Amino acid sequence: MGNSELHIRTAYHAQVTINHMQKLFETGPDIWKQLNGLSKRQCRLIISAVNYHSLMQPNRELLYRIYMGEDWQYPRLTDTSTLNGSLTKDAGLKPMIEFKARSVSKPKTAFTPHYFDLHHQIVDWNERYILLTPDDATDMTVKSRHLSSRLPMRNQIYNYCEFHFPLLFDQIRELLRKIREKASYKDIRVYHPESINELFAHKAIHHPYQPVEPSQPDSSAPKAVIIAMHWLQPGGAERWAMETVALARKAGFLPIVITNNDSHQPWIVSKDLDDALVINLTFPAQESIGDVPLLRALFEQYNIRGVMIHHNQWMYDRLWWIKRYYPSTFIVDSLHILEYHDRGGYPNQSVSRDPYIDLHHVISPQLQNWLVNRHGIAEEKVVMAPLVGLTADQMHPRYKDRVQRGVFHVAFVGRMTRQKRPEAFINVARTLERHHPGCFRFIMHGSGDMDSEVSKLLKKYGLDNAVERRDVSRPVSETYDWADALLVTSINEGITLTTIEAISQGMPVLSADVGSQSTLVPSQGLLPRQSLELVRQADRSLRRMDDSEEDRRRLWEVELERLQEFSRKESADSFFTRMLGEWAK
């Protein structure tokens, strides 16, 4: 399975799809027969968990107890509950699978067998308790559990206003967004981890201050690249991150994928992750002040040429460690959207960690301007490479005629989350259906933590027959084939992949004037950011396109011209291919 001695050495060699992933452990043959009773996602989550514990406890044999949780939980793979069984054994659950696995991880420095929670040492009994979730679990099933419990009064008031007066309530949110937008332009302090370590060193009783000087890998160590992702589920940043996994493999690297957000990780089954080393972190994971044992284990065994960050806070917080001990490692982050909470969101983290980052990749002129002109990042450290060509051919599109005479079809494509503002789209549908019943049809394609709120609003407004819901199991291409126009109602964006895809599919786009959407969408296709005015303008614009095919086509032609001009810039795919080629030398 390659030239690395870290690959699994097992007597069982059946061609099972789960065995495509890298493994840093060895076990008996019966385990794979047991795992065949689970789904591919669940099996790969187990492998991810065992890989992590094998890295943290090299050469040890551990007993793994695998439990099935509820759909309102998230998988627990690496946190303290996997050490003490607080969410599994202590909760009265019975393991459905048990097996022993011996780590074949070969780091060069010593790894402590001691673990700590916030206040006490955790006794390590050589057992790990791994919690999986059913395949039908979603972010919504997790959220529903919390919604069923009694919320604080302020949350109840907020939810009441959001459900009963979504457009008026958004005027308050718009004021808050403007305040946060101004805050994002203020100076950002540089992150200094050394002072944080010193502070905790004086206070820490529970986590002894034990900095460890890591060793360098052997010259024969396999070449690898770390891809630090938010999670393994649908999203624009995630689609690009998965593309970089494929590009790294094509350049001859082992992709090491690390995620840091709770998720059911549906994309872990992707073929892009075949032969990758995948670590899905769940928190609180174990670290000592001044040491990052997971990274230490990886850097000592692999020749890691670079790190690519895709919205991963855990990695941002540990870049100082990489640059201190492995300064030649090239670090690049990809930024997609300027967020207005936390004074800029991930771009804020990017600026504060700039001393440890070699290159900032941005996908829009807005982000380039924000980094260089607003926050003084060196211009040569910022590269604007758009995500054109990632999911569509934008250079040879054909205009798409109306799908059906007498009915105009409008699509929403995106996650059902607050950022995408699905309630604004629903209110556009409500307005058009009220004044022009039967003349417009709508489709909402996507899933997310607002699925329940979307369903309730559609029922409240009597739109179940006018608006069709499609989840992520359906190909987005079917929705584009069905639509006459795409409506982007997001509160905030960079440049959406859906805008590029829709124009490439031959249809015009109406979009809220947010982020860098104006790069592709001209003034006649832009809508006010505030919800009430957005709905009014969208109503007028869609009626005009319905009445005049010439107007609809003219908008698409202007957008296509802008997209093709934008596409003449070097694409992210092309730039990263060149960059990885340099790393491979």
Protein backbone atom coordinates (compact mmCIF):
# COMPACT_ATOMS: atom_id res chain seq x y z
CA MET A 1 0.00 0.00 0.00
CA GLY A 2 2.93 2.39 -0.57
CA ASN A 3 6.36 2.91 0.87
CA SER A 4 5.33 4.01 4.37
CA GLU A 5 5.73 1.57 7.24
CA LEU A 6 2.80 3.37 8.88
CA HIS A 7 0.23 1.56 6.75
CA ILE A 8 -1.89 -1.08 8.41
CA ARG A 9 -0.37 -4.53 8.65
CA THR A 10 -3.23 -6.98 8.97
CA ALA A 11 -3.87 -10.53 7.85
CA TYR A 12 -7.22 -9.57 6.41
CA HIS A 13 -6.97 -8.19 2.86
CA ALA A 14 -10.55 -8.27 1.59
CA GLN A 15 -11.31 -5.48 -0.86
CA VAL A 16 -13.59 -3.40 1.33
CA THR A 17 -14.20 0.25 0.47
CA ILE A 18 -13.44 1.44 3.99
CA ASN A 19 -9.91 0.07 3.72
CA HIS A 20 -8.97 2.75 1.19
CA MET A 21 -8.17 5.19 4.00
CA GLN A 22 -4.71 5.40 5.57
CA LYS A 23 -4.41 3.55 8.87
CA LEU A 24 -1.81 3.95 11.60
CA PHE A 25 -2.71 0.78 13.46
CA GLU A 26 -2.82 -2.97 13.10
CA THR A 27 -5.59 -5.26 14.24
CA GLY A 28 -6.95 -8.73 13.73
CA PRO A 29 -8.99 -9.82 10.70
CA ASP A 30 -12.32 -10.16 12.50
CA ILE A 31 -12.73 -6.43 13.01
CA TRP A 32 -13.30 -5.76 9.31
CA LYS A 33 -16.03 -8.39 9.23
CA GLN A 34 -17.72 -6.63 12.16
CA LEU A 35 -17.40 -3.22 10.54
CA ASN A 36 -19.08 -4.49 7.39
CA GLY A 37 -22.32 -4.26 9.35
CA LEU A 38 -21.90 -0.50 9.58
CA SER A 39 -22.17 2.17 6.91
CA LYS A 40 -19.12 3.47 5.08
CA ARG A 41 -19.41 6.78 6.95
CA GLN A 42 -19.49 5.10 10.34
CA CYS A 43 -16.57 2.82 9.47
CA ARG A 44 -14.43 5.72 8.31
CA LEU A 45 -15.22 7.68 11.49
CA ILE A 46 -13.93 4.70 13.49
CA ILE A 47 -10.73 4.62 11.44
CA SER A 48 -10.32 8.38 11.96
CA ALA A 49 -10.71 7.97 15.72
CA VAL A 50 -8.31 5.02 15.97
CA ASN A 51 -5.74 6.91 13.88
CA TYR A 52 -5.87 9.83 16.30
CA HIS A 53 -5.42 7.68 19.39
CA SER A 54 -2.66 5.72 17.63
CA LEU A 55 -0.80 8.98 17.01
CA MET A 56 -1.27 10.11 20.61
CA GLN A 57 -0.19 6.76 22.12
CA PRO A 58 2.40 5.25 19.75
CA ASN A 59 3.20 1.53 20.00
CA ARG A 60 0.42 0.92 22.52
CA GLU A 61 -2.40 -1.57 22.08
CA LEU A 62 -5.77 -0.13 23.10
CA LEU A 63 -9.21 -1.66 23.45
CA TYR A 64 -11.80 0.24 21.42
CA ARG A 65 -15.46 0.10 22.42
CA ILE A 66 -17.79 1.42 19.72
CA TYR A 67 -21.24 2.75 20.66
CA MET A 68 -24.18 4.02 18.63
CA GLY A 69 -25.51 7.35 19.84
CA GLU A 70 -28.73 9.20 19.07
CA ASP A 71 -29.51 11.41 16.09
CA TRP A 72 -29.41 14.46 18.38
CA GLN A 73 -25.76 13.85 19.22
CA TYR A 74 -22.57 14.38 17.24
CA PRO A 75 -19.85 11.74 16.93
CA ARG A 76 -17.31 11.79 19.77
CA LEU A 77 -13.96 10.57 18.47
CA THR A 78 -11.04 12.32 20.20
CA ASP A 79 -12.32 14.29 23.21
CA THR A 80 -12.08 13.45 26.92
CA SER A 81 -15.31 11.42 26.79
CA THR A 82 -13.42 8.88 24.67
CA LEU A 83 -11.02 8.44 27.61
CA ASN A 84 -13.46 8.25 30.52
CA GLY A 85 -16.64 6.96 28.83
CA SER A 86 -18.78 9.77 30.26
CA LEU A 87 -21.10 9.83 27.21
CA THR A 88 -21.13 6.09 26.59
CA LYS A 89 -20.24 3.63 29.37
CA ASP A 90 -21.32 5.99 32.15
CA ALA A 91 -24.53 6.80 30.26
CA GLY A 92 -25.57 3.15 30.31
CA LEU A 93 -24.89 2.40 26.65
CA LYS A 94 -23.73 -1.03 25.54
CA PRO A 95 -20.94 -1.30 22.96
CA MET A 96 -21.98 -2.81 19.65
CA ILE A 97 -18.37 -3.59 18.61
CA GLU A 98 -15.18 -4.13 20.58
CA PHE A 99 -11.70 -4.70 19.19
CA LYS A 100 -8.06 -4.19 20.02
CA ALA A 101 -5.73 -2.20 17.78
CA ARG A 102 -2.01 -1.61 18.16
CA SER A 103 -0.53 1.68 17.06
CA VAL A 104 2.18 1.48 14.40
CA SER A 105 2.88 5.21 14.72
CA LYS A 106 6.65 5.79 14.99
CA PRO A 107 7.36 9.28 16.35
CA LYS A 108 10.84 10.21 17.54
CA THR A 109 10.01 11.86 20.88
CA ALA A 110 8.22 10.58 23.98
CA PHE A 111 4.45 10.90 24.28
CA THR A 112 3.01 11.16 27.77
CA PRO A 113 0.49 8.52 28.90
CA HIS A 114 -1.11 11.10 31.22
CA TYR A 115 -4.37 12.87 30.39
CA PHE A 116 -6.13 15.71 32.16
CA ASP A 117 -9.55 17.32 32.13
CA LEU A 118 -10.01 20.86 33.43
CA HIS A 119 -9.05 19.98 36.99
CA HIS A 120 -8.09 16.34 37.37
CA GLN A 121 -5.94 13.68 35.84
CA ILE A 122 -7.86 11.06 33.86
CA VAL A 123 -6.81 7.49 34.51
CA ASP A 124 -5.99 5.75 31.24
CA TRP A 125 -7.22 2.14 31.44
CA ASN A 126 -6.07 1.34 27.89
CA GLU A 127 -9.65 1.70 26.65
CA ARG A 128 -11.24 4.19 24.26
CA TYR A 129 -14.97 4.85 24.01
CA ILE A 130 -16.06 5.96 20.53
CA LEU A 131 -19.56 7.33 19.92
CA LEU A 132 -21.05 7.13 16.42
CA THR A 133 -24.34 8.53 15.15
CA PRO A 134 -27.05 7.12 12.85
CA ASP A 135 -26.75 7.89 9.15
CA ASP A 136 -30.02 9.85 9.18
CA ALA A 137 -28.69 12.25 11.82
CA THR A 138 -28.35 15.86 10.63
CA ASP A 139 -27.53 19.26 12.07
CA MET A 140 -31.28 19.77 12.32
CA THR A 141 -31.85 16.67 14.45
CA VAL A 142 -29.16 17.95 16.82
CA LYS A 143 -30.66 21.42 16.91
CA SER A 144 -34.19 20.09 17.44
CA ARG A 145 -33.10 18.44 20.67
CA HIS A 146 -31.94 21.78 22.04
CA LEU A 147 -35.05 23.55 20.79
CA SER A 148 -37.25 21.06 22.65
CA SER A 149 -35.77 22.16 25.99
CA ARG A 150 -36.98 25.39 27.52
CA LEU A 151 -35.01 28.32 26.17
CA PRO A 152 -34.14 31.46 28.13
CA MET A 153 -36.75 34.20 27.74
CA ARG A 154 -34.52 36.33 25.49
CA ASN A 155 -34.16 33.40 23.08
CA GLN A 156 -37.91 32.80 23.09
CA ILE A 157 -38.56 36.45 22.26
CA TYR A 158 -35.93 36.37 19.49
CA ASN A 159 -37.41 33.19 17.94
CA TYR A 160 -40.95 34.59 18.17
CA CYS A 161 -39.98 37.80 16.36
CA GLU A 162 -37.96 35.90 13.77
CA PHE A 163 -40.85 33.59 12.94
CA HIS A 164 -43.76 36.04 13.04
CA PHE A 165 -42.06 39.22 11.74
CA PRO A 166 -39.00 38.04 9.75
CA LEU A 167 -38.73 41.09 7.46
CA LEU A 168 -39.29 43.73 10.12
CA PHE A 169 -37.02 41.91 12.55
CA ASP A 170 -34.27 41.91 9.96
CA GLN A 171 -34.16 45.70 10.09
CA ILE A 172 -32.77 45.36 13.63
CA ARG A 173 -30.29 42.75 12.46
CA GLU A 174 -29.24 45.05 9.62
CA LEU A 175 -28.34 47.78 12.10
CA LEU A 176 -26.26 45.28 14.06
CA ARG A 177 -24.57 44.11 10.85
CA LYS A 178 -23.56 47.69 10.01
CA ILE A 179 -22.07 48.14 13.48
CA ARG A 180 -20.14 44.87 13.14
CA GLU A 181 -19.01 45.79 9.64
CA LYS A 182 -17.45 49.00 10.97
CA ALA A 183 -15.81 47.04 13.79
CA SER A 184 -14.18 44.73 11.22
CA TYR A 185 -12.16 47.70 9.92
CA LYS A 186 -10.52 48.41 13.28
CA ASP A 187 -6.95 47.35 13.90
CA ILE A 188 -6.49 43.65 14.67
CA ARG A 189 -3.98 42.64 17.31
CA VAL A 190 -1.28 40.15 16.34
CA TYR A 191 -1.60 36.80 18.08
CA HIS A 192 1.27 36.13 20.53
CA PRO A 193 1.03 32.53 21.78
CA GLU A 194 4.22 32.71 23.83
CA SER A 195 2.66 35.14 26.32
CA ILE A 196 -0.42 32.90 26.58
CA ASN A 197 1.77 29.89 27.35
CA GLU A 198 3.65 31.81 30.04
CA LEU A 199 0.38 32.94 31.61
CA PHE A 200 -0.95 29.39 31.84
CA ALA A 201 2.39 28.06 32.99
CA HIS A 202 2.03 30.00 36.25
CA LYS A 203 -1.59 28.96 36.81
CA ALA A 204 -1.70 25.45 35.43
CA ILE A 205 -2.14 22.66 37.92
CA HIS A 206 -4.22 20.44 35.67
CA HIS A 207 -2.04 20.75 32.55
CA PRO A 208 1.66 20.72 33.43
CA TYR A 209 3.75 23.07 31.30
CA GLN A 210 5.83 20.62 29.30
CA PRO A 211 7.13 22.03 26.02
CA VAL A 212 8.69 19.28 23.94
CA GLU A 213 11.36 19.90 21.32
CA PRO A 214 10.21 17.82 18.32
CA SER A 215 12.56 15.96 16.01
CA GLN A 216 12.88 16.29 12.26
CA PRO A 217 11.61 13.49 9.98
CA ASP A 218 13.96 11.18 8.13
CA SER A 219 14.83 12.14 4.55
CA SER A 220 12.97 9.04 3.37
CA ALA A 221 9.72 10.04 5.10
CA PRO A 222 6.66 10.21 2.80
CA LYS A 223 5.88 13.67 1.45
CA ALA A 224 2.62 15.02 2.83
CA VAL A 225 0.41 18.09 2.92
CA ILE A 226 -1.97 19.00 5.74
CA ILE A 227 -5.40 20.21 4.63
CA ALA A 228 -7.12 21.77 7.66
CA MET A 229 -10.87 21.93 7.06
CA HIS A 230 -13.89 23.21 8.98
CA TRP A 231 -15.79 19.93 8.57
CA LEU A 232 -16.68 17.30 5.96
CA GLN A 233 -20.10 18.43 4.82
CA PRO A 234 -21.52 20.61 2.02
CA GLY A 235 -20.37 24.20 1.75
CA GLY A 236 -18.53 26.47 -0.68
CA ALA A 237 -15.30 26.50 1.36
CA GLU A 238 -15.54 22.74 1.76
CA ARG A 239 -15.96 22.14 -1.97
CA TRP A 240 -12.73 24.04 -2.60
CA ALA A 241 -10.99 22.28 0.29
CA MET A 242 -11.88 18.87 -1.17
CA GLU A 243 -10.50 20.02 -4.51
CA THR A 244 -7.18 20.84 -2.82
CA VAL A 245 -7.14 17.30 -1.40
CA ALA A 246 -7.33 15.98 -4.97
CA LEU A 247 -4.68 18.46 -6.16
CA ALA A 248 -2.31 17.43 -3.36
CA ARG A 249 -2.66 13.77 -4.25
CA LYS A 250 -2.09 14.56 -7.94
CA ALA A 251 1.13 16.38 -6.99
CA GLY A 252 2.41 13.24 -5.27
CA PHE A 253 1.59 14.10 -1.65
CA LEU A 254 -0.20 12.14 1.03
CA PRO A 255 -3.20 14.34 2.00
CA ILE A 256 -3.57 14.64 5.78
CA VAL A 257 -7.07 16.03 6.40
CA ILE A 258 -7.85 17.50 9.83
CA THR A 259 -11.31 18.86 10.73
CA ASN A 260 -12.18 20.78 13.88
CA ASN A 261 -15.94 21.29 13.95
CA ASP A 262 -18.72 19.03 15.19
CA SER A 263 -20.40 17.34 12.27
CA HIS A 264 -21.75 13.97 11.20
CA GLN A 265 -19.06 14.28 8.51
CA PRO A 266 -21.14 12.98 5.56
CA TRP A 267 -18.36 13.77 3.06
CA ILE A 268 -15.95 11.39 4.76
CA VAL A 269 -17.21 8.77 2.29
CA SER A 270 -15.92 10.81 -0.67
CA LYS A 271 -13.52 9.14 -3.10
CA ASP A 272 -11.34 12.24 -2.70
CA LEU A 273 -10.45 10.89 0.75
CA ASP A 274 -9.44 7.43 -0.46
CA ASP A 275 -5.84 6.84 0.67
CA ALA A 276 -5.90 10.05 2.72
CA LEU A 277 -5.11 10.23 6.43
CA VAL A 278 -8.22 11.73 8.02
CA ILE A 279 -8.44 13.07 11.58
CA ASN A 280 -11.83 14.41 12.72
CA LEU A 281 -11.13 16.25 15.96
CA THR A 282 -13.81 16.48 18.64
CA PHE A 283 -13.17 18.67 21.68
CA PRO A 284 -11.87 19.05 24.32
CA ALA A 285 -8.98 17.05 22.86
CA GLN A 286 -5.77 16.60 24.83
CA GLU A 287 -2.84 18.97 24.64
CA SER A 288 -0.26 20.28 27.05
CA ILE A 289 0.62 23.95 27.25
CA GLY A 290 3.54 24.53 24.90
CA ASP A 291 3.11 21.24 23.02
CA VAL A 292 0.85 20.06 20.20
CA PRO A 293 1.25 16.28 20.32
CA LEU A 294 -0.93 15.58 17.27
CA LEU A 295 1.13 17.87 15.04
CA ARG A 296 4.36 16.65 16.66
CA ALA A 297 3.49 13.05 15.79
CA LEU A 298 2.67 13.98 12.20
CA PHE A 299 5.69 16.20 11.57
CA GLU A 300 8.10 13.64 13.01
CA GLN A 301 6.88 10.90 10.68
CA TYR A 302 6.03 12.72 7.48
CA ASN A 303 7.90 15.21 5.35
CA ILE A 304 5.16 17.83 5.53
CA ARG A 305 5.86 20.43 2.87
CA GLY A 306 2.87 22.67 3.44
CA VAL A 307 -0.35 23.41 5.31
CA MET A 308 -3.53 24.61 3.63
CA ILE A 309 -6.17 26.12 5.93
CA HIS A 310 -9.85 26.18 5.01
CA HIS A 311 -11.73 27.84 7.91
CA ASN A 312 -10.09 25.78 10.66
CA GLN A 313 -9.64 27.64 13.95
CA TRP A 314 -7.66 24.83 15.61
CA MET A 315 -4.97 25.11 12.95
CA TYR A 316 -4.88 28.93 13.03
CA ASP A 317 -4.19 28.72 16.77
CA ARG A 318 -1.24 26.35 16.26
CA LEU A 319 0.57 27.92 13.33
CA TRP A 320 3.08 29.47 15.74
CA TRP A 321 4.16 25.94 16.76
CA ILE A 322 4.72 24.89 13.15
CA LYS A 323 6.75 27.99 12.31
CA ARG A 324 8.78 27.70 15.51
CA TYR A 325 9.87 24.11 14.94
CA TYR A 326 9.41 23.61 11.18
CA PRO A 327 9.94 27.09 9.72
CA SER A 328 10.36 25.89 6.13
CA THR A 329 6.79 24.54 6.05
CA PHE A 330 4.79 26.73 3.66
CA ILE A 331 1.46 27.88 5.13
CA VAL A 332 -1.41 29.22 3.03
CA ASP A 333 -4.98 29.95 4.03
CA SER A 334 -8.02 30.31 1.77
CA LEU A 335 -10.55 33.02 2.63
CA HIS A 336 -14.02 33.06 1.10
CA ILE A 337 -16.14 35.56 2.96
CA LEU A 338 -15.72 38.64 5.13
CA GLU A 339 -17.84 37.91 8.17
CA TYR A 340 -19.30 40.61 10.39
CA HIS A 341 -19.21 38.78 13.69
CA ASP A 342 -15.95 38.52 15.60
CA ARG A 343 -14.70 41.58 13.67
CA GLY A 344 -14.26 39.71 10.42
CA GLY A 345 -14.49 36.02 11.30
CA TYR A 346 -11.82 33.88 9.69
CA PRO A 347 -10.28 36.83 7.82
CA ASN A 348 -9.75 38.36 11.28
CA GLN A 349 -7.91 35.21 12.34
CA SER A 350 -5.88 35.37 9.15
CA VAL A 351 -4.73 38.92 9.86
CA SER A 352 -3.90 38.20 13.50
CA ARG A 353 -1.82 35.14 12.48
CA ASP A 354 -0.20 36.86 9.50
CA PRO A 355 3.37 36.52 10.93
CA TYR A 356 3.00 32.73 10.66
CA ILE A 357 1.30 32.64 7.23
CA ASP A 358 3.28 32.72 3.98
CA LEU A 359 0.35 33.39 1.63
CA HIS A 360 -3.26 34.47 1.91
CA HIS A 361 -5.48 33.13 -0.89
CA VAL A 362 -8.71 35.09 -1.43
CA ILE A 363 -11.48 34.48 -3.92
CA SER A 364 -12.83 38.01 -4.32
CA PRO A 365 -11.62 41.62 -4.78
CA GLN A 366 -13.48 42.58 -1.58
CA LEU A 367 -11.29 40.34 0.56
CA GLN A 368 -8.13 41.43 -1.24
CA ASN A 369 -8.96 45.07 -0.52
CA TRP A 370 -9.84 44.32 3.11
CA LEU A 371 -6.55 42.55 3.79
CA VAL A 372 -4.23 44.90 1.91
CA ASN A 373 -5.83 48.33 2.18
CA ARG A 374 -7.73 48.02 5.45
CA HIS A 375 -5.27 45.96 7.48
CA GLY A 376 -1.91 46.52 5.84
CA ILE A 377 -1.11 42.95 4.84
CA ALA A 378 1.78 42.99 2.35
CA GLU A 379 0.36 43.02 -1.16
CA GLU A 380 2.76 40.32 -2.32
CA LYS A 381 1.40 37.98 0.37
CA VAL A 382 -2.18 38.15 -0.96
CA VAL A 383 -3.19 36.32 -4.12
CA MET A 384 -6.67 36.66 -5.59
CA ALA A 385 -7.48 33.44 -7.46
CA PRO A 386 -11.21 32.88 -8.05
CA LEU A 387 -13.00 29.55 -7.88
CA VAL A 388 -13.98 29.69 -11.55
CA GLY A 389 -14.06 26.38 -13.37
CA LEU A 390 -14.41 24.44 -10.12
CA THR A 391 -17.92 23.17 -10.83
CA ALA A 392 -18.89 24.64 -14.19
CA ASP A 393 -17.60 25.56 -17.66
CA GLN A 394 -18.05 29.31 -17.75
CA MET A 395 -16.29 29.91 -21.10
CA HIS A 396 -18.70 28.07 -23.43
CA PRO A 397 -22.22 28.45 -22.00
CA ARG A 398 -25.45 28.74 -23.96
CA TYR A 399 -28.44 30.82 -23.00
CA LYS A 400 -31.22 28.65 -21.59
CA ASP A 401 -34.72 29.35 -22.84
CA ARG A 402 -37.68 29.44 -20.48
CA VAL A 403 -38.51 26.05 -19.04
CA GLN A 404 -42.27 26.44 -19.41
CA ARG A 405 -44.50 29.02 -21.02
CA GLY A 406 -46.79 30.83 -18.63
CA VAL A 407 -44.84 29.89 -15.49
CA PHE A 408 -41.56 31.46 -14.33
CA HIS A 409 -39.33 29.21 -12.23
CA VAL A 410 -37.11 30.70 -9.50
CA ALA A 411 -34.44 28.74 -7.62
CA PHE A 412 -32.74 29.05 -4.24
CA VAL A 413 -29.58 26.92 -3.96
CA GLY A 414 -27.67 26.82 -0.69
CA ARG A 415 -27.59 25.67 2.90
CA MET A 416 -30.66 26.38 5.02
CA THR A 417 -28.79 28.62 7.43
CA ARG A 418 -29.07 32.14 8.77
CA GLN A 419 -26.36 33.41 6.39
CA LYS A 420 -28.35 32.33 3.32
CA ARG A 421 -31.54 34.05 4.61
CA PRO A 422 -34.09 31.51 3.33
CA GLU A 423 -36.94 33.44 4.97
CA ALA A 424 -36.33 36.31 2.53
CA PHE A 425 -36.66 33.93 -0.43
CA ILE A 426 -39.87 32.54 1.09
CA ASN A 427 -41.27 36.05 1.42
CA VAL A 428 -40.46 36.76 -2.23
CA ALA A 429 -42.42 33.61 -3.11
CA ARG A 430 -45.24 34.70 -0.80
CA THR A 431 -45.49 38.15 -2.42
CA LEU A 432 -45.51 36.83 -5.99
CA GLU A 433 -47.94 34.03 -5.21
CA ARG A 434 -50.30 36.45 -3.49
CA HIS A 435 -50.42 38.93 -6.39
CA HIS A 436 -49.84 36.53 -9.31
CA PRO A 437 -51.10 33.12 -8.23
CA GLY A 438 -49.86 30.26 -10.39
CA CYS A 439 -47.54 32.44 -12.49
CA PHE A 440 -44.37 31.63 -10.54
CA ARG A 441 -42.96 28.43 -9.10
CA PHE A 442 -40.11 28.14 -6.65
CA ILE A 443 -37.60 25.53 -5.57
CA MET A 444 -35.43 25.56 -2.45
CA HIS A 445 -32.47 23.22 -2.85
CA GLY A 446 -30.38 22.54 0.25
CA SER A 447 -30.40 21.43 3.86
CA GLY A 448 -29.23 22.92 7.13
CA ASP A 449 -30.04 23.88 10.68
CA MET A 450 -32.98 26.06 9.57
CA ASP A 451 -34.83 23.19 7.88
CA SER A 452 -37.52 23.22 10.55
CA GLU A 453 -38.01 27.00 10.43
CA VAL A 454 -38.27 26.87 6.63
CA SER A 455 -40.95 24.16 6.79
CA LYS A 456 -42.93 26.12 9.38
CA LEU A 457 -42.83 29.33 7.33
CA LEU A 458 -43.93 27.56 4.16
CA LYS A 459 -46.85 26.03 6.04
CA LYS A 460 -47.72 29.33 7.74
CA TYR A 461 -47.88 31.16 4.39
CA GLY A 462 -49.66 28.34 2.56
CA LEU A 463 -46.80 27.88 0.08
CA ASP A 464 -46.34 24.12 0.20
CA ASN A 465 -47.71 23.78 -3.33
CA ALA A 466 -45.86 26.80 -4.76
CA VAL A 467 -42.44 25.99 -3.27
CA GLU A 468 -40.72 22.64 -3.78
CA ARG A 469 -38.08 21.52 -1.27
CA ARG A 470 -35.07 19.45 -2.38
CA ASP A 471 -32.35 18.23 -0.05
CA VAL A 472 -28.68 17.66 -0.79
CA SER A 473 -29.28 14.09 -1.95
CA ARG A 474 -30.59 15.53 -5.23
CA PRO A 475 -28.06 16.76 -7.82
CA VAL A 476 -27.96 20.57 -8.02
CA SER A 477 -27.78 20.25 -11.80
CA GLU A 478 -31.42 19.10 -11.81
CA THR A 479 -32.44 22.35 -10.13
CA TYR A 480 -30.49 24.47 -12.60
CA ASP A 481 -32.16 22.57 -15.45
CA TRP A 482 -35.51 23.40 -13.92
CA ALA A 483 -34.94 27.11 -13.22
CA ASP A 484 -35.34 30.30 -15.22
CA ALA A 485 -33.45 32.45 -12.70
CA LEU A 486 -31.40 32.05 -9.53
CA LEU A 487 -32.22 34.26 -6.55
CA VAL A 488 -29.42 34.77 -3.99
CA THR A 489 -30.88 36.23 -0.78
CA SER A 490 -27.84 35.82 1.48
CA ILE A 491 -27.08 38.23 4.31
CA ASN A 492 -23.41 37.97 3.37
CA GLU A 493 -21.26 36.25 0.76
CA GLY A 494 -17.95 36.41 -1.01
CA ILE A 495 -18.65 35.40 -4.60
CA THR A 496 -20.97 32.41 -4.55
CA LEU A 497 -20.23 29.29 -6.53
CA THR A 498 -23.96 29.12 -7.23
CA THR A 499 -23.78 32.45 -9.09
CA ILE A 500 -20.97 31.10 -11.28
CA GLU A 501 -22.84 27.84 -11.82
CA ALA A 502 -26.15 29.50 -12.72
CA ILE A 503 -24.61 31.90 -15.25
CA SER A 504 -22.67 28.99 -16.74
CA GLN A 505 -25.94 27.09 -17.04
CA GLY A 506 -27.41 29.91 -19.14
CA MET A 507 -29.67 31.67 -16.64
CA PRO A 508 -29.51 35.11 -15.00
CA VAL A 509 -28.92 35.75 -11.31
CA LEU A 510 -30.59 38.20 -8.98
CA SER A 511 -28.55 38.73 -5.83
CA ALA A 512 -28.51 40.73 -2.63
CA ASP A 513 -25.81 43.38 -2.93
CA VAL A 514 -23.48 41.75 -0.41
CA GLY A 515 -19.83 40.79 -0.30
CA SER A 516 -18.29 40.78 -3.77
CA GLN A 517 -21.41 39.68 -5.65
CA SER A 518 -21.29 42.93 -7.64
CA THR A 519 -18.14 41.57 -9.33
CA LEU A 520 -20.42 39.34 -11.41
CA VAL A 521 -23.91 40.78 -10.97
CA PRO A 522 -24.53 44.25 -12.46
CA SER A 523 -26.64 46.95 -10.82
CA GLN A 524 -29.83 45.82 -12.58
CA GLY A 525 -29.46 42.39 -10.97
CA LEU A 526 -28.51 43.59 -7.47
CA LEU A 527 -31.04 43.79 -4.65
CA PRO A 528 -30.89 45.84 -1.42
CA ARG A 529 -29.29 44.02 1.52
CA GLN A 530 -32.11 44.86 3.92
CA SER A 531 -34.80 42.16 3.74
CA LEU A 532 -37.92 44.29 3.32
CA GLU A 533 -36.48 46.23 0.39
CA LEU A 534 -34.91 43.08 -1.05
CA VAL A 535 -38.32 41.40 -1.24
CA ARG A 536 -39.92 44.43 -2.89
CA GLN A 537 -37.16 44.81 -5.49
CA ALA A 538 -37.02 41.05 -6.19
CA ASP A 539 -40.76 41.08 -6.80
CA ARG A 540 -40.38 43.87 -9.40
CA SER A 541 -37.31 42.34 -11.06
CA LEU A 542 -38.79 38.85 -11.39
CA ARG A 543 -42.05 40.21 -12.80
CA ARG A 544 -40.07 42.23 -15.33
CA MET A 545 -38.11 39.15 -16.43
CA ASP A 546 -41.34 37.19 -16.65
CA ASP A 547 -42.86 39.87 -18.88
CA SER A 548 -39.78 40.45 -21.04
CA GLU A 549 -37.58 37.62 -22.25
CA GLU A 550 -35.35 40.29 -23.75
CA ASP A 551 -34.66 41.76 -20.28
CA ARG A 552 -33.93 38.32 -18.87
CA ARG A 553 -31.49 37.56 -21.67
CA ARG A 554 -29.80 40.97 -21.46
CA LEU A 555 -29.12 40.52 -17.74
CA TRP A 556 -27.60 37.08 -18.37
CA GLU A 557 -25.42 38.42 -21.20
CA VAL A 558 -23.98 41.18 -18.98
CA GLU A 559 -23.33 38.65 -16.19
CA LEU A 560 -21.70 36.24 -18.63
CA GLU A 561 -19.42 38.98 -19.91
CA ARG A 562 -18.39 39.81 -16.33
CA LEU A 563 -17.87 36.14 -15.49
CA GLN A 564 -15.69 35.55 -18.52
CA GLU A 565 -13.63 38.65 -17.74
CA PHE A 566 -13.25 37.43 -14.15
CA SER A 567 -12.31 33.98 -15.45
CA ARG A 568 -9.31 35.40 -17.29
CA LYS A 569 -7.62 35.74 -13.92
CA GLU A 570 -5.64 32.69 -12.90
CA SER A 571 -8.04 30.30 -11.22
CA ALA A 572 -7.51 28.91 -7.73
CA ASP A 573 -7.20 25.45 -9.25
CA SER A 574 -4.38 26.56 -11.57
CA PHE A 575 -2.57 28.57 -8.90
CA PHE A 576 -2.63 25.78 -6.31
CA THR A 577 -1.51 23.24 -8.91
CA ARG A 578 1.58 25.38 -9.56
CA MET A 579 2.18 25.97 -5.87
CA LEU A 580 1.95 22.26 -5.00
CA GLY A 581 4.33 21.53 -7.84
CA GLU A 582 6.86 23.85 -6.19
CA TRP A 583 6.36 22.13 -2.84
CA ALA A 584 6.99 18.74 -4.44
CA LYS A 585 10.47 19.68 -5.72
